[in-house]
Amino acid sequence: MFTNQRLWDLVDFSQVSYNDGSNKPLPSGYEHYRALPDPRTGAYADVCVNMSTGEVVVAIRGTEPQSFKDWNTNLGLGRGQYDALAPAVSPPFNL
């Protein structure tokens, strides 16, 4: 079960992903490890790591309402986006 604080932390990770890993502060103990854009499909994710615990959070951006590319991909049920991001977010990470 998630605590209220953990849920707010997940909101923060999501906001980082929608802002291209911008200056939005991460939850305590986490560092931005890598941005994973895929220009071909429009897929985008951010990988954040808690260097003390080794916990890895992958925040995957959803559809951006003004993006024709996102809506076009949605019509194909996200075909290609998973395949584009999967190798980059699959363990092991070289931290």
N, C-alpha and C. Protein backbone atom coordinates (compact mmCIF):
# COMPACT_ATOMS: atom_id res chain seq x y z
N MET A 1 0.84 -1.18 0.00
CA MET A 1 0.00 0.00 0.00
C MET A 1 0.88 1.24 0.00
N PHE A 2 0.46 2.23 -0.76
CA PHE A 2 1.21 3.48 -0.84
C PHE A 2 0.76 4.44 0.24
N THR A 3 1.71 5.17 0.79
CA THR A 3 1.38 6.25 1.71
C THR A 3 1.01 7.48 0.87
N ASN A 4 0.39 8.45 1.51
CA ASN A 4 0.06 9.69 0.82
C ASN A 4 1.33 10.36 0.28
N GLN A 5 2.40 10.33 1.06
CA GLN A 5 3.65 10.94 0.61
C GLN A 5 4.18 10.24 -0.63
N ARG A 6 4.11 8.92 -0.65
CA ARG A 6 4.61 8.18 -1.81
C ARG A 6 3.79 8.53 -3.07
N LEU A 7 2.50 8.69 -2.91
CA LEU A 7 1.66 9.07 -4.04
C LEU A 7 2.07 10.45 -4.57
N TRP A 8 2.34 11.39 -3.66
CA TRP A 8 2.80 12.72 -4.09
C TRP A 8 4.16 12.63 -4.77
N ASP A 9 5.02 11.73 -4.28
CA ASP A 9 6.32 11.53 -4.93
C ASP A 9 6.13 11.06 -6.37
N LEU A 10 5.18 10.15 -6.59
CA LEU A 10 4.92 9.66 -7.94
C LEU A 10 4.39 10.77 -8.85
N VAL A 11 3.60 11.67 -8.28
CA VAL A 11 3.15 12.84 -9.04
C VAL A 11 4.36 13.68 -9.47
N ASP A 12 5.31 13.87 -8.57
CA ASP A 12 6.51 14.63 -8.90
C ASP A 12 7.30 13.98 -10.03
N PHE A 13 7.44 12.65 -10.00
CA PHE A 13 8.14 11.95 -11.08
C PHE A 13 7.42 12.17 -12.41
N SER A 14 6.11 12.11 -12.38
CA SER A 14 5.32 12.33 -13.60
C SER A 14 5.55 13.73 -14.15
N GLN A 15 5.55 14.72 -13.27
CA GLN A 15 5.77 16.09 -13.71
C GLN A 15 7.15 16.28 -14.31
N VAL A 16 8.14 15.60 -13.78
CA VAL A 16 9.49 15.67 -14.34
C VAL A 16 9.46 15.13 -15.77
N SER A 17 8.75 14.03 -15.99
CA SER A 17 8.69 13.44 -17.32
C SER A 17 8.00 14.36 -18.32
N TYR A 18 6.93 15.01 -17.90
CA TYR A 18 6.21 15.90 -18.81
C TYR A 18 6.96 17.20 -19.07
N ASN A 19 7.97 17.49 -18.25
CA ASN A 19 8.75 18.71 -18.43
C ASN A 19 10.17 18.40 -18.89
N ASP A 20 10.36 17.27 -19.55
CA ASP A 20 11.66 16.88 -20.10
C ASP A 20 12.76 16.91 -19.05
N GLY A 21 12.49 16.39 -17.87
CA GLY A 21 13.51 16.32 -16.83
C GLY A 21 13.94 17.67 -16.31
N SER A 22 13.05 18.66 -16.39
CA SER A 22 13.40 20.04 -16.05
C SER A 22 13.74 20.20 -14.57
N ASN A 23 13.70 21.43 -14.13
CA ASN A 23 14.12 21.78 -12.78
C ASN A 23 13.13 21.39 -11.69
N LYS A 24 12.05 20.70 -12.02
CA LYS A 24 11.11 20.26 -10.99
C LYS A 24 11.87 19.42 -9.99
N PRO A 25 11.81 19.78 -8.70
CA PRO A 25 12.56 19.01 -7.71
C PRO A 25 12.07 17.57 -7.63
N LEU A 26 13.01 16.68 -7.50
CA LEU A 26 12.68 15.26 -7.32
C LEU A 26 12.47 14.97 -5.84
N PRO A 27 11.77 13.89 -5.54
CA PRO A 27 11.63 13.50 -4.14
C PRO A 27 13.02 13.31 -3.50
N SER A 28 13.06 13.47 -2.22
CA SER A 28 14.31 13.40 -1.46
C SER A 28 15.07 12.10 -1.75
N GLY A 29 16.36 12.24 -2.04
CA GLY A 29 17.21 11.08 -2.25
C GLY A 29 17.33 10.62 -3.70
N TYR A 30 16.52 11.18 -4.59
CA TYR A 30 16.52 10.74 -6.00
C TYR A 30 17.32 11.69 -6.88
N GLU A 31 17.92 11.11 -7.90
CA GLU A 31 18.64 11.88 -8.90
C GLU A 31 18.09 11.50 -10.27
N HIS A 32 18.11 12.49 -11.18
CA HIS A 32 17.70 12.22 -12.55
C HIS A 32 18.85 11.46 -13.21
N TYR A 33 18.59 10.25 -13.66
CA TYR A 33 19.64 9.41 -14.23
C TYR A 33 19.74 9.56 -15.74
N ARG A 34 18.58 9.50 -16.41
CA ARG A 34 18.62 9.51 -17.87
C ARG A 34 17.26 9.87 -18.45
N ALA A 35 17.27 10.64 -19.52
CA ALA A 35 16.07 10.89 -20.30
C ALA A 35 16.07 9.92 -21.48
N LEU A 36 14.90 9.40 -21.82
CA LEU A 36 14.80 8.43 -22.90
C LEU A 36 13.78 8.89 -23.94
N PRO A 37 14.17 9.82 -24.80
CA PRO A 37 13.25 10.24 -25.86
C PRO A 37 13.37 9.31 -27.07
N ASP A 38 12.27 9.07 -27.73
CA ASP A 38 12.29 8.35 -29.00
C ASP A 38 11.57 9.21 -30.03
N PRO A 39 12.31 10.00 -30.80
CA PRO A 39 11.68 10.92 -31.74
C PRO A 39 10.82 10.22 -32.80
N ARG A 40 11.15 8.99 -33.13
CA ARG A 40 10.40 8.28 -34.16
C ARG A 40 8.95 8.04 -33.74
N THR A 41 8.74 7.63 -32.48
CA THR A 41 7.39 7.31 -32.03
C THR A 41 6.78 8.38 -31.13
N GLY A 42 7.62 9.29 -30.61
CA GLY A 42 7.13 10.29 -29.66
C GLY A 42 7.15 9.78 -28.23
N ALA A 43 7.59 8.56 -28.02
CA ALA A 43 7.68 8.02 -26.66
C ALA A 43 8.75 8.79 -25.88
N TYR A 44 8.52 8.93 -24.58
CA TYR A 44 9.48 9.63 -23.73
C TYR A 44 9.36 9.10 -22.31
N ALA A 45 10.50 8.89 -21.67
CA ALA A 45 10.52 8.47 -20.27
C ALA A 45 11.73 9.10 -19.60
N ASP A 46 11.62 9.23 -18.29
CA ASP A 46 12.75 9.66 -17.47
C ASP A 46 13.04 8.56 -16.47
N VAL A 47 14.32 8.30 -16.25
CA VAL A 47 14.74 7.31 -15.26
C VAL A 47 15.34 8.09 -14.10
N CYS A 48 14.81 7.84 -12.90
CA CYS A 48 15.30 8.48 -11.68
C CYS A 48 15.75 7.38 -10.73
N VAL A 49 16.84 7.65 -10.02
CA VAL A 49 17.42 6.63 -9.15
C VAL A 49 17.65 7.20 -7.76
N ASN A 50 17.29 6.39 -6.76
CA ASN A 50 17.66 6.70 -5.38
C ASN A 50 19.01 6.03 -5.16
N MET A 51 20.06 6.82 -5.12
CA MET A 51 21.41 6.28 -5.05
C MET A 51 21.69 5.57 -3.72
N SER A 52 20.93 5.87 -2.68
CA SER A 52 21.13 5.20 -1.39
C SER A 52 20.53 3.81 -1.37
N THR A 53 19.33 3.68 -1.97
CA THR A 53 18.63 2.40 -1.91
C THR A 53 18.71 1.59 -3.19
N GLY A 54 19.10 2.26 -4.29
CA GLY A 54 19.14 1.58 -5.58
C GLY A 54 17.79 1.49 -6.28
N GLU A 55 16.76 2.07 -5.65
CA GLU A 55 15.43 2.04 -6.27
C GLU A 55 15.45 2.86 -7.56
N VAL A 56 14.86 2.29 -8.60
CA VAL A 56 14.78 2.94 -9.90
C VAL A 56 13.31 3.21 -10.20
N VAL A 57 13.01 4.44 -10.61
CA VAL A 57 11.66 4.82 -11.01
C VAL A 57 11.72 5.24 -12.47
N VAL A 58 10.88 4.63 -13.29
CA VAL A 58 10.78 4.99 -14.70
C VAL A 58 9.45 5.71 -14.87
N ALA A 59 9.53 7.00 -15.17
CA ALA A 59 8.33 7.81 -15.37
C ALA A 59 8.10 7.94 -16.87
N ILE A 60 7.03 7.31 -17.35
CA ILE A 60 6.73 7.30 -18.78
C ILE A 60 5.65 8.33 -19.06
N ARG A 61 5.96 9.20 -19.98
CA ARG A 61 5.03 10.25 -20.36
C ARG A 61 3.89 9.64 -21.18
N GLY A 62 2.68 10.11 -20.91
CA GLY A 62 1.52 9.68 -21.68
C GLY A 62 1.30 10.59 -22.88
N THR A 63 0.10 10.57 -23.39
CA THR A 63 -0.23 11.37 -24.56
C THR A 63 -0.19 12.86 -24.25
N GLU A 64 0.47 13.60 -25.12
CA GLU A 64 0.43 15.05 -25.04
C GLU A 64 -0.68 15.51 -25.98
N PRO A 65 -1.69 16.18 -25.44
CA PRO A 65 -2.89 16.50 -26.23
C PRO A 65 -2.63 17.27 -27.52
N GLN A 66 -1.59 18.10 -27.57
CA GLN A 66 -1.34 18.89 -28.77
C GLN A 66 -0.41 18.19 -29.76
N SER A 67 -0.03 16.96 -29.48
CA SER A 67 0.93 16.27 -30.34
C SER A 67 0.22 15.35 -31.34
N PHE A 68 0.29 15.71 -32.61
CA PHE A 68 -0.29 14.86 -33.65
C PHE A 68 0.39 13.50 -33.65
N LYS A 69 1.72 13.49 -33.46
CA LYS A 69 2.47 12.23 -33.46
C LYS A 69 1.95 11.30 -32.35
N ASP A 70 1.67 11.84 -31.15
CA ASP A 70 1.14 11.01 -30.07
C ASP A 70 -0.21 10.43 -30.44
N TRP A 71 -1.10 11.25 -30.98
CA TRP A 71 -2.43 10.76 -31.32
C TRP A 71 -2.36 9.75 -32.45
N ASN A 72 -1.47 9.96 -33.39
CA ASN A 72 -1.29 9.00 -34.47
C ASN A 72 -0.81 7.66 -33.91
N THR A 73 0.13 7.72 -32.96
CA THR A 73 0.61 6.49 -32.33
C THR A 73 -0.49 5.83 -31.52
N ASN A 74 -1.32 6.64 -30.83
CA ASN A 74 -2.44 6.07 -30.07
C ASN A 74 -3.37 5.27 -30.96
N LEU A 75 -3.60 5.76 -32.16
CA LEU A 75 -4.47 5.03 -33.08
C LEU A 75 -3.91 3.66 -33.41
N GLY A 76 -2.60 3.52 -33.34
CA GLY A 76 -1.96 2.22 -33.53
C GLY A 76 -1.75 1.49 -32.22
N LEU A 77 -2.46 1.92 -31.17
CA LEU A 77 -2.38 1.32 -29.83
C LEU A 77 -0.96 1.33 -29.27
N GLY A 78 -0.23 2.41 -29.55
CA GLY A 78 1.11 2.55 -28.99
C GLY A 78 2.14 1.66 -29.65
N ARG A 79 1.80 1.09 -30.78
CA ARG A 79 2.70 0.18 -31.47
C ARG A 79 4.05 0.86 -31.69
N GLY A 80 5.08 0.20 -31.27
CA GLY A 80 6.43 0.71 -31.46
C GLY A 80 6.99 1.46 -30.27
N GLN A 81 6.14 2.08 -29.46
CA GLN A 81 6.66 2.85 -28.32
C GLN A 81 7.28 1.94 -27.26
N TYR A 82 6.61 0.84 -26.92
CA TYR A 82 7.17 -0.08 -25.93
C TYR A 82 8.50 -0.62 -26.44
N ASP A 83 8.51 -1.07 -27.69
CA ASP A 83 9.74 -1.63 -28.26
C ASP A 83 10.86 -0.60 -28.29
N ALA A 84 10.51 0.67 -28.49
CA ALA A 84 11.52 1.73 -28.54
C ALA A 84 12.15 1.99 -27.18
N LEU A 85 11.35 1.90 -26.11
CA LEU A 85 11.86 2.23 -24.77
C LEU A 85 12.34 1.03 -23.97
N ALA A 86 11.82 -0.16 -24.26
CA ALA A 86 12.11 -1.34 -23.43
C ALA A 86 13.60 -1.62 -23.24
N PRO A 87 14.40 -1.62 -24.30
CA PRO A 87 15.83 -1.93 -24.08
C PRO A 87 16.52 -0.93 -23.15
N ALA A 88 16.11 0.31 -23.19
CA ALA A 88 16.77 1.35 -22.39
C ALA A 88 16.39 1.30 -20.92
N VAL A 89 15.22 0.74 -20.60
CA VAL A 89 14.78 0.73 -19.21
C VAL A 89 14.84 -0.66 -18.59
N SER A 90 15.36 -1.62 -19.31
CA SER A 90 15.48 -2.98 -18.78
C SER A 90 16.75 -3.10 -17.95
N PRO A 91 16.65 -3.69 -16.75
CA PRO A 91 17.84 -3.89 -15.93
C PRO A 91 18.83 -4.82 -16.66
N PRO A 92 20.08 -4.85 -16.33
CA PRO A 92 20.66 -4.07 -15.25
C PRO A 92 21.06 -2.67 -15.71
N PHE A 93 20.97 -1.72 -14.79
CA PHE A 93 21.42 -0.38 -15.06
C PHE A 93 22.88 -0.28 -14.65
N ASN A 94 23.64 0.47 -15.36
CA ASN A 94 25.03 0.71 -14.99
C ASN A 94 25.08 2.00 -14.21
N LEU A 95 24.80 1.92 -12.92
CA LEU A 95 24.76 3.12 -12.07
C LEU A 95 26.13 3.48 -11.57
